[in-house]
């Protein structure tokens, strides 16, 4: 059994979000989320910076995020603040 290091309940989101990058908004799939972070998946090999604002839902307020880990197209992020 693997250790759950999140320290907070993770809820399945399975929705579309977006990263607000310098060259525009880029869509992503939000697999799951907590109050402190989320797991997202990019549609293709879109370069993703280490820090960016993330909008979890269409029309939602963006939250500043930092990359915690990367595995292929999936990225774990931690919300700042």
PDB file of N, CA and C in Angstrom:
ATOM      1  N   UNK A   1       0.841  -1.175   0.000  1.00  0.00           N
ATOM      2  CA  UNK A   1       0.000   0.000   0.000  1.00  0.00           C
ATOM      3  C   UNK A   1       0.886   1.238   0.000  1.00  0.00           C
ATOM      4  N   UNK A   2       0.518   2.238  -0.784  1.00  0.00           N
ATOM      5  CA  UNK A   2       1.321   3.443  -0.854  1.00  0.00           C
ATOM      6  C   UNK A   2       0.878   4.443   0.193  1.00  0.00           C
ATOM      7  N   UNK A   3       1.793   5.275   0.598  1.00  0.00           N
ATOM      8  CA  UNK A   3       1.524   6.292   1.603  1.00  0.00           C
ATOM      9  C   UNK A   3       0.874   7.511   0.952  1.00  0.00           C
ATOM     10  N   UNK A   4      -0.176   8.036   1.559  1.00  0.00           N
ATOM     11  CA  UNK A   4      -0.838   9.243   1.072  1.00  0.00           C
ATOM     12  C   UNK A   4      -0.209  10.431   1.789  1.00  0.00           C
ATOM     13  N   UNK A   5       0.587  11.210   1.084  1.00  0.00           N
ATOM     14  CA  UNK A   5       1.324  12.311   1.684  1.00  0.00           C
ATOM     15  C   UNK A   5       0.623  13.653   1.540  1.00  0.00           C
ATOM     16  N   UNK A   6      -0.586  13.680   0.986  1.00  0.00           N
ATOM     17  CA  UNK A   6      -1.266  14.948   0.727  1.00  0.00           C
ATOM     18  C   UNK A   6      -1.701  15.649   2.001  1.00  0.00           C
ATOM     19  N   UNK A   7      -2.163  14.922   3.009  1.00  0.00           N
ATOM     20  CA  UNK A   7      -2.588  15.532   4.253  1.00  0.00           C
ATOM     21  C   UNK A   7      -3.968  16.188   4.178  1.00  0.00           C
ATOM     22  N   UNK A   8      -4.640  16.084   3.065  1.00  0.00           N
ATOM     23  CA  UNK A   8      -5.980  16.642   2.906  1.00  0.00           C
ATOM     24  C   UNK A   8      -6.761  15.771   1.933  1.00  0.00           C
ATOM     25  N   UNK A   9      -8.073  15.783   2.050  1.00  0.00           N
ATOM     26  CA  UNK A   9      -8.918  14.941   1.216  1.00  0.00           C
ATOM     27  C   UNK A   9      -8.860  15.391  -0.238  1.00  0.00           C
ATOM     28  N   UNK A  10      -8.649  14.446  -1.145  1.00  0.00           N
ATOM     29  CA  UNK A  10      -8.612  14.732  -2.580  1.00  0.00           C
ATOM     30  C   UNK A  10      -9.941  14.325  -3.192  1.00  0.00           C
ATOM     31  N   UNK A  11     -10.586  15.267  -3.866  1.00  0.00           N
ATOM     32  CA  UNK A  11     -11.862  14.958  -4.515  1.00  0.00           C
ATOM     33  C   UNK A  11     -11.651  14.844  -6.013  1.00  0.00           C
ATOM     34  N   UNK A  12     -12.316  13.869  -6.618  1.00  0.00           N
ATOM     35  CA  UNK A  12     -12.247  13.722  -8.064  1.00  0.00           C
ATOM     36  C   UNK A  12     -12.909  14.929  -8.706  1.00  0.00           C
ATOM     37  N   UNK A  13     -12.244  15.520  -9.653  1.00  0.00           N
ATOM     38  CA  UNK A  13     -12.802  16.680 -10.333  1.00  0.00           C
ATOM     39  C   UNK A  13     -13.225  16.281 -11.738  1.00  0.00           C
ATOM     40  N   UNK A  14     -12.306  15.656 -12.462  1.00  0.00           N
ATOM     41  CA  UNK A  14     -12.500  15.251 -13.849  1.00  0.00           C
ATOM     42  C   UNK A  14     -13.301  16.305 -14.620  1.00  0.00           C
ATOM     43  N   UNK A  15     -12.689  17.452 -14.732  1.00  0.00           N
ATOM     44  CA  UNK A  15     -13.288  18.588 -15.424  1.00  0.00           C
ATOM     45  C   UNK A  15     -12.204  19.282 -16.237  1.00  0.00           C
ATOM     46  N   UNK A  16     -12.582  20.257 -17.017  1.00  0.00           N
ATOM     47  CA  UNK A  16     -11.610  21.008 -17.800  1.00  0.00           C
ATOM     48  C   UNK A  16     -11.262  22.301 -17.097  1.00  0.00           C
ATOM     49  N   UNK A  17      -9.976  22.587 -17.052  1.00  0.00           N
ATOM     50  CA  UNK A  17      -9.471  23.829 -16.496  1.00  0.00           C
ATOM     51  C   UNK A  17      -8.583  24.492 -17.527  1.00  0.00           C
ATOM     52  N   UNK A  18      -7.876  25.531 -17.098  1.00  0.00           N
ATOM     53  CA  UNK A  18      -6.957  26.190 -18.021  1.00  0.00           C
ATOM     54  C   UNK A  18      -5.810  26.857 -17.279  1.00  0.00           C
ATOM     55  N   UNK A  19      -4.654  26.829 -17.939  1.00  0.00           N
ATOM     56  CA  UNK A  19      -3.467  27.512 -17.459  1.00  0.00           C
ATOM     57  C   UNK A  19      -3.417  28.858 -18.160  1.00  0.00           C
ATOM     58  N   UNK A  20      -3.121  29.903 -17.416  1.00  0.00           N
ATOM     59  CA  UNK A  20      -3.001  31.232 -18.001  1.00  0.00           C
ATOM     60  C   UNK A  20      -1.521  31.511 -18.208  1.00  0.00           C
ATOM     61  N   UNK A  21      -1.071  31.313 -19.439  1.00  0.00           N
ATOM     62  CA  UNK A  21       0.340  31.461 -19.773  1.00  0.00           C
ATOM     63  C   UNK A  21       0.581  32.775 -20.502  1.00  0.00           C
ATOM     64  N   UNK A  22       1.836  33.146 -20.648  1.00  0.00           N
ATOM     65  CA  UNK A  22       2.199  34.413 -21.296  1.00  0.00           C
ATOM     66  C   UNK A  22       1.643  34.508 -22.713  1.00  0.00           C
ATOM     67  N   UNK A  23       1.592  33.384 -23.430  1.00  0.00           N
ATOM     68  CA  UNK A  23       1.118  33.416 -24.816  1.00  0.00           C
ATOM     69  C   UNK A  23      -0.351  33.027 -24.950  1.00  0.00           C
ATOM     70  N   UNK A  24      -1.104  33.006 -23.839  1.00  0.00           N
ATOM     71  CA  UNK A  24      -2.535  32.733 -23.897  1.00  0.00           C
ATOM     72  C   UNK A  24      -2.983  31.658 -22.935  1.00  0.00           C
ATOM     73  N   UNK A  25      -4.259  31.349 -23.002  1.00  0.00           N
ATOM     74  CA  UNK A  25      -4.870  30.351 -22.134  1.00  0.00           C
ATOM     75  C   UNK A  25      -4.756  28.973 -22.784  1.00  0.00           C
ATOM     76  N   UNK A  26      -4.317  27.969 -22.003  1.00  0.00           N
ATOM     77  CA  UNK A  26      -4.135  26.610 -22.504  1.00  0.00           C
ATOM     78  C   UNK A  26      -5.009  25.670 -21.684  1.00  0.00           C
ATOM     79  N   UNK A  27      -5.834  24.870 -22.357  1.00  0.00           N
ATOM     80  CA  UNK A  27      -6.731  23.940 -21.670  1.00  0.00           C
ATOM     81  C   UNK A  27      -5.982  22.759 -21.083  1.00  0.00           C
ATOM     82  N   UNK A  28      -6.542  22.229 -19.986  1.00  0.00           N
ATOM     83  CA  UNK A  28      -6.011  21.031 -19.362  1.00  0.00           C
ATOM     84  C   UNK A  28      -7.181  20.244 -18.776  1.00  0.00           C
ATOM     85  N   UNK A  29      -6.931  18.993 -18.436  1.00  0.00           N
ATOM     86  CA  UNK A  29      -7.905  18.161 -17.745  1.00  0.00           C
ATOM     87  C   UNK A  29      -7.513  18.145 -16.275  1.00  0.00           C
ATOM     88  N   UNK A  30      -8.457  18.445 -15.395  1.00  0.00           N
ATOM     89  CA  UNK A  30      -8.203  18.414 -13.950  1.00  0.00           C
ATOM     90  C   UNK A  30      -8.710  17.062 -13.443  1.00  0.00           C
ATOM     91  N   UNK A  31      -7.777  16.177 -13.052  1.00  0.00           N
ATOM     92  CA  UNK A  31      -8.144  14.840 -12.591  1.00  0.00           C
ATOM     93  C   UNK A  31      -8.736  14.886 -11.197  1.00  0.00           C
ATOM     94  N   UNK A  32      -8.061  15.558 -10.293  1.00  0.00           N
ATOM     95  CA  UNK A  32      -8.559  15.685  -8.934  1.00  0.00           C
ATOM     96  C   UNK A  32      -7.956  16.927  -8.296  1.00  0.00           C
ATOM     97  N   UNK A  33      -8.543  17.342  -7.176  1.00  0.00           N
ATOM     98  CA  UNK A  33      -8.099  18.586  -6.555  1.00  0.00           C
ATOM     99  C   UNK A  33      -8.333  18.535  -5.049  1.00  0.00           C
ATOM    100  N   UNK A  34      -7.532  19.313  -4.336  1.00  0.00           N
ATOM    101  CA  UNK A  34      -7.707  19.531  -2.901  1.00  0.00           C
ATOM    102  C   UNK A  34      -7.683  21.031  -2.686  1.00  0.00           C
ATOM    103  N   UNK A  35      -7.768  21.446  -1.445  1.00  0.00           N
ATOM    104  CA  UNK A  35      -7.647  22.863  -1.151  1.00  0.00           C
ATOM    105  C   UNK A  35      -6.221  23.360  -1.380  1.00  0.00           C
ATOM    106  N   UNK A  36      -5.250  22.433  -1.386  1.00  0.00           N
ATOM    107  CA  UNK A  36      -3.851  22.819  -1.492  1.00  0.00           C
ATOM    108  C   UNK A  36      -3.204  22.513  -2.833  1.00  0.00           C
ATOM    109  N   UNK A  37      -3.866  21.741  -3.698  1.00  0.00           N
ATOM    110  CA  UNK A  37      -3.259  21.405  -4.984  1.00  0.00           C
ATOM    111  C   UNK A  37      -4.184  20.607  -5.878  1.00  0.00           C
ATOM    112  N   UNK A  38      -3.634  20.146  -7.004  1.00  0.00           N
ATOM    113  CA  UNK A  38      -4.427  19.392  -7.975  1.00  0.00           C
ATOM    114  C   UNK A  38      -3.509  18.561  -8.853  1.00  0.00           C
ATOM    115  N   UNK A  39      -4.115  17.615  -9.567  1.00  0.00           N
ATOM    116  CA  UNK A  39      -3.418  16.833 -10.586  1.00  0.00           C
ATOM    117  C   UNK A  39      -4.069  17.168 -11.925  1.00  0.00           C
ATOM    118  N   UNK A  40      -3.255  17.654 -12.862  1.00  0.00           N
ATOM    119  CA  UNK A  40      -3.777  18.044 -14.161  1.00  0.00           C
ATOM    120  C   UNK A  40      -3.082  17.240 -15.257  1.00  0.00           C
ATOM    121  N   UNK A  41      -3.695  17.223 -16.423  1.00  0.00           N
ATOM    122  CA  UNK A  41      -3.095  16.568 -17.583  1.00  0.00           C
ATOM    123  C   UNK A  41      -3.218  17.507 -18.773  1.00  0.00           C
ATOM    124  N   UNK A  42      -2.114  17.667 -19.468  1.00  0.00           N
ATOM    125  CA  UNK A  42      -2.087  18.527 -20.647  1.00  0.00           C
ATOM    126  C   UNK A  42      -2.521  17.724 -21.866  1.00  0.00           C
ATOM    127  N   UNK A  43      -3.113  18.407 -22.843  1.00  0.00           N
ATOM    128  CA  UNK A  43      -3.598  17.748 -24.054  1.00  0.00           C
ATOM    129  C   UNK A  43      -2.456  17.218 -24.920  1.00  0.00           C
ATOM    130  N   UNK A  44      -1.353  17.921 -24.958  1.00  0.00           N
ATOM    131  CA  UNK A  44      -0.226  17.510 -25.795  1.00  0.00           C
ATOM    132  C   UNK A  44       1.062  17.860 -25.080  1.00  0.00           C
ATOM    133  N   UNK A  45       2.148  17.966 -25.807  1.00  0.00           N
ATOM    134  CA  UNK A  45       3.440  18.265 -25.202  1.00  0.00           C
ATOM    135  C   UNK A  45       3.639  19.765 -24.999  1.00  0.00           C
ATOM    136  N   UNK A  46       2.596  20.437 -24.587  1.00  0.00           N
ATOM    137  CA  UNK A  46       2.639  21.873 -24.301  1.00  0.00           C
ATOM    138  C   UNK A  46       3.656  22.140 -23.187  1.00  0.00           C
ATOM    139  N   UNK A  47       4.634  23.023 -23.434  1.00  0.00           N
ATOM    140  CA  UNK A  47       5.570  23.354 -22.354  1.00  0.00           C
ATOM    141  C   UNK A  47       4.831  24.100 -21.235  1.00  0.00           C
ATOM    142  N   UNK A  48       5.067  23.675 -20.010  1.00  0.00           N
ATOM    143  CA  UNK A  48       4.408  24.277 -18.849  1.00  0.00           C
ATOM    144  C   UNK A  48       5.494  24.822 -17.920  1.00  0.00           C
ATOM    145  N   UNK A  49       5.430  26.123 -17.575  1.00  0.00           N
ATOM    146  CA  UNK A  49       6.444  26.692 -16.670  1.00  0.00           C
ATOM    147  C   UNK A  49       6.267  26.150 -15.252  1.00  0.00           C
ATOM    148  N   UNK A  50       7.233  26.420 -14.381  1.00  0.00           N
ATOM    149  CA  UNK A  50       7.187  25.948 -12.999  1.00  0.00           C
ATOM    150  C   UNK A  50       6.132  26.670 -12.171  1.00  0.00           C
ATOM    151  N   UNK A  51       5.760  27.889 -12.569  1.00  0.00           N
ATOM    152  CA  UNK A  51       4.726  28.668 -11.863  1.00  0.00           C
ATOM    153  C   UNK A  51       3.766  29.255 -12.891  1.00  0.00           C
ATOM    154  N   UNK A  52       2.469  29.241 -12.568  1.00  0.00           N
ATOM    155  CA  UNK A  52       1.460  29.777 -13.470  1.00  0.00           C
ATOM    156  C   UNK A  52       0.131  29.898 -12.721  1.00  0.00           C
ATOM    157  N   UNK A  53      -0.780  30.754 -13.191  1.00  0.00           N
ATOM    158  CA  UNK A  53      -2.139  30.772 -12.646  1.00  0.00           C
ATOM    159  C   UNK A  53      -2.951  29.644 -13.282  1.00  0.00           C
ATOM    160  N   UNK A  54      -3.767  28.964 -12.473  1.00  0.00           N
ATOM    161  CA  UNK A  54      -4.600  27.861 -12.942  1.00  0.00           C
ATOM    162  C   UNK A  54      -6.058  28.169 -12.641  1.00  0.00           C
ATOM    163  N   UNK A  55      -6.895  28.041 -13.666  1.00  0.00           N
ATOM    164  CA  UNK A  55      -8.343  28.183 -13.511  1.00  0.00           C
ATOM    165  C   UNK A  55      -8.916  26.770 -13.490  1.00  0.00           C
ATOM    166  N   UNK A  56      -9.514  26.359 -12.351  1.00  0.00           N
ATOM    167  CA  UNK A  56     -10.008  24.989 -12.201  1.00  0.00           C
ATOM    168  C   UNK A  56     -11.302  24.724 -12.946  1.00  0.00           C
ATOM    169  N   UNK A  57     -12.114  25.746 -13.154  1.00  0.00           N
ATOM    170  CA  UNK A  57     -13.370  25.596 -13.873  1.00  0.00           C
ATOM    171  C   UNK A  57     -13.548  26.772 -14.823  1.00  0.00           C
ATOM    172  N   UNK A  58     -14.330  26.583 -15.852  1.00  0.00           N
ATOM    173  CA  UNK A  58     -14.596  27.669 -16.802  1.00  0.00           C
ATOM    174  C   UNK A  58     -15.232  28.832 -16.054  1.00  0.00           C
ATOM    175  N   UNK A  59     -14.657  30.001 -16.223  1.00  0.00           N
ATOM    176  CA  UNK A  59     -15.173  31.202 -15.575  1.00  0.00           C
ATOM    177  C   UNK A  59     -14.752  31.366 -14.132  1.00  0.00           C
ATOM    178  N   UNK A  60     -14.038  30.375 -13.577  1.00  0.00           N
ATOM    179  CA  UNK A  60     -13.579  30.462 -12.186  1.00  0.00           C
ATOM    180  C   UNK A  60     -12.394  31.410 -12.049  1.00  0.00           C
ATOM    181  N   UNK A  61     -12.144  31.833 -10.828  1.00  0.00           N
ATOM    182  CA  UNK A  61     -10.995  32.699 -10.564  1.00  0.00           C
ATOM    183  C   UNK A  61      -9.708  31.890 -10.651  1.00  0.00           C
ATOM    184  N   UNK A  62      -8.686  32.427 -11.322  1.00  0.00           N
ATOM    185  CA  UNK A  62      -7.405  31.716 -11.387  1.00  0.00           C
ATOM    186  C   UNK A  62      -6.706  31.720 -10.027  1.00  0.00           C
ATOM    187  N   UNK A  63      -6.000  30.624  -9.744  1.00  0.00           N
ATOM    188  CA  UNK A  63      -5.220  30.505  -8.508  1.00  0.00           C
ATOM    189  C   UNK A  63      -3.753  30.326  -8.864  1.00  0.00           C
ATOM    190  N   UNK A  64      -2.857  31.056  -8.200  1.00  0.00           N
ATOM    191  CA  UNK A  64      -1.426  30.868  -8.459  1.00  0.00           C
ATOM    192  C   UNK A  64      -1.004  29.452  -8.069  1.00  0.00           C
ATOM    193  N   UNK A  65      -0.232  28.804  -8.941  1.00  0.00           N
ATOM    194  CA  UNK A  65       0.160  27.413  -8.724  1.00  0.00           C
ATOM    195  C   UNK A  65       1.639  27.213  -9.035  1.00  0.00           C
ATOM    196  N   UNK A  66       2.226  26.216  -8.364  1.00  0.00           N
ATOM    197  CA  UNK A  66       3.616  25.819  -8.580  1.00  0.00           C
ATOM    198  C   UNK A  66       3.645  24.326  -8.869  1.00  0.00           C
ATOM    199  N   UNK A  67       4.460  23.919  -9.840  1.00  0.00           N
ATOM    200  CA  UNK A  67       4.589  22.500 -10.180  1.00  0.00           C
ATOM    201  C   UNK A  67       5.294  21.768  -9.039  1.00  0.00           C
ATOM    202  N   UNK A  68       4.674  20.666  -8.572  1.00  0.00           N
ATOM    203  CA  UNK A  68       5.265  19.819  -7.536  1.00  0.00           C
ATOM    204  C   UNK A  68       5.945  18.604  -8.154  1.00  0.00           C
ATOM    205  N   UNK A  69       5.370  18.066  -9.244  1.00  0.00           N
ATOM    206  CA  UNK A  69       5.948  16.923  -9.942  1.00  0.00           C
ATOM    207  C   UNK A  69       5.420  16.872 -11.368  1.00  0.00           C
ATOM    208  N   UNK A  70       6.145  16.144 -12.215  1.00  0.00           N
ATOM    209  CA  UNK A  70       5.764  15.946 -13.617  1.00  0.00           C
ATOM    210  C   UNK A  70       5.972  14.484 -13.988  1.00  0.00           C
ATOM    211  N   UNK A  71       4.960  13.896 -14.634  1.00  0.00           N
ATOM    212  CA  UNK A  71       5.056  12.532 -15.156  1.00  0.00           C
ATOM    213  C   UNK A  71       4.379  12.517 -16.518  1.00  0.00           C
ATOM    214  N   UNK A  72       5.182  12.620 -17.547  1.00  0.00           N
ATOM    215  CA  UNK A  72       4.684  12.671 -18.912  1.00  0.00           C
ATOM    216  C   UNK A  72       3.745  13.864 -19.056  1.00  0.00           C
ATOM    217  N   UNK A  73       2.491  13.621 -19.422  1.00  0.00           N
ATOM    218  CA  UNK A  73       1.541  14.725 -19.616  1.00  0.00           C
ATOM    219  C   UNK A  73       0.833  15.116 -18.325  1.00  0.00           C
ATOM    220  N   UNK A  74       0.994  14.346 -17.257  1.00  0.00           N
ATOM    221  CA  UNK A  74       0.357  14.665 -15.965  1.00  0.00           C
ATOM    222  C   UNK A  74       1.292  15.512 -15.113  1.00  0.00           C
ATOM    223  N   UNK A  75       0.689  16.457 -14.410  1.00  0.00           N
ATOM    224  CA  UNK A  75       1.448  17.385 -13.581  1.00  0.00           C
ATOM    225  C   UNK A  75       0.733  17.555 -12.251  1.00  0.00           C
ATOM    226  N   UNK A  76       1.480  17.418 -11.166  1.00  0.00           N
ATOM    227  CA  UNK A  76       0.944  17.696  -9.836  1.00  0.00           C
ATOM    228  C   UNK A  76       1.299  19.137  -9.484  1.00  0.00           C
ATOM    229  N   UNK A  77       0.325  19.886  -9.017  1.00  0.00           N
ATOM    230  CA  UNK A  77       0.587  21.288  -8.689  1.00  0.00           C
ATOM    231  C   UNK A  77       0.161  21.572  -7.247  1.00  0.00           C
ATOM    232  N   UNK A  78       0.842  22.561  -6.655  1.00  0.00           N
ATOM    233  CA  UNK A  78       0.494  23.049  -5.322  1.00  0.00           C
ATOM    234  C   UNK A  78       0.045  24.493  -5.473  1.00  0.00           C
ATOM    235  N   UNK A  79      -1.073  24.827  -4.837  1.00  0.00           N
ATOM    236  CA  UNK A  79      -1.547  26.201  -4.882  1.00  0.00           C
ATOM    237  C   UNK A  79      -0.729  27.050  -3.927  1.00  0.00           C
ATOM    238  N   UNK A  80      -0.419  28.258  -4.332  1.00  0.00           N
ATOM    239  CA  UNK A  80       0.355  29.184  -3.509  1.00  0.00           C
ATOM    240  C   UNK A  80      -0.584  29.972  -2.603  1.00  0.00           C
ATOM    241  N   UNK A  81      -0.060  30.350  -1.470  1.00  0.00           N
ATOM    242  CA  UNK A  81      -0.817  31.229  -0.561  1.00  0.00           C
ATOM    243  C   UNK A  81      -1.731  30.591   0.299  1.00  0.00           C
TER     244      UNK A  81
END
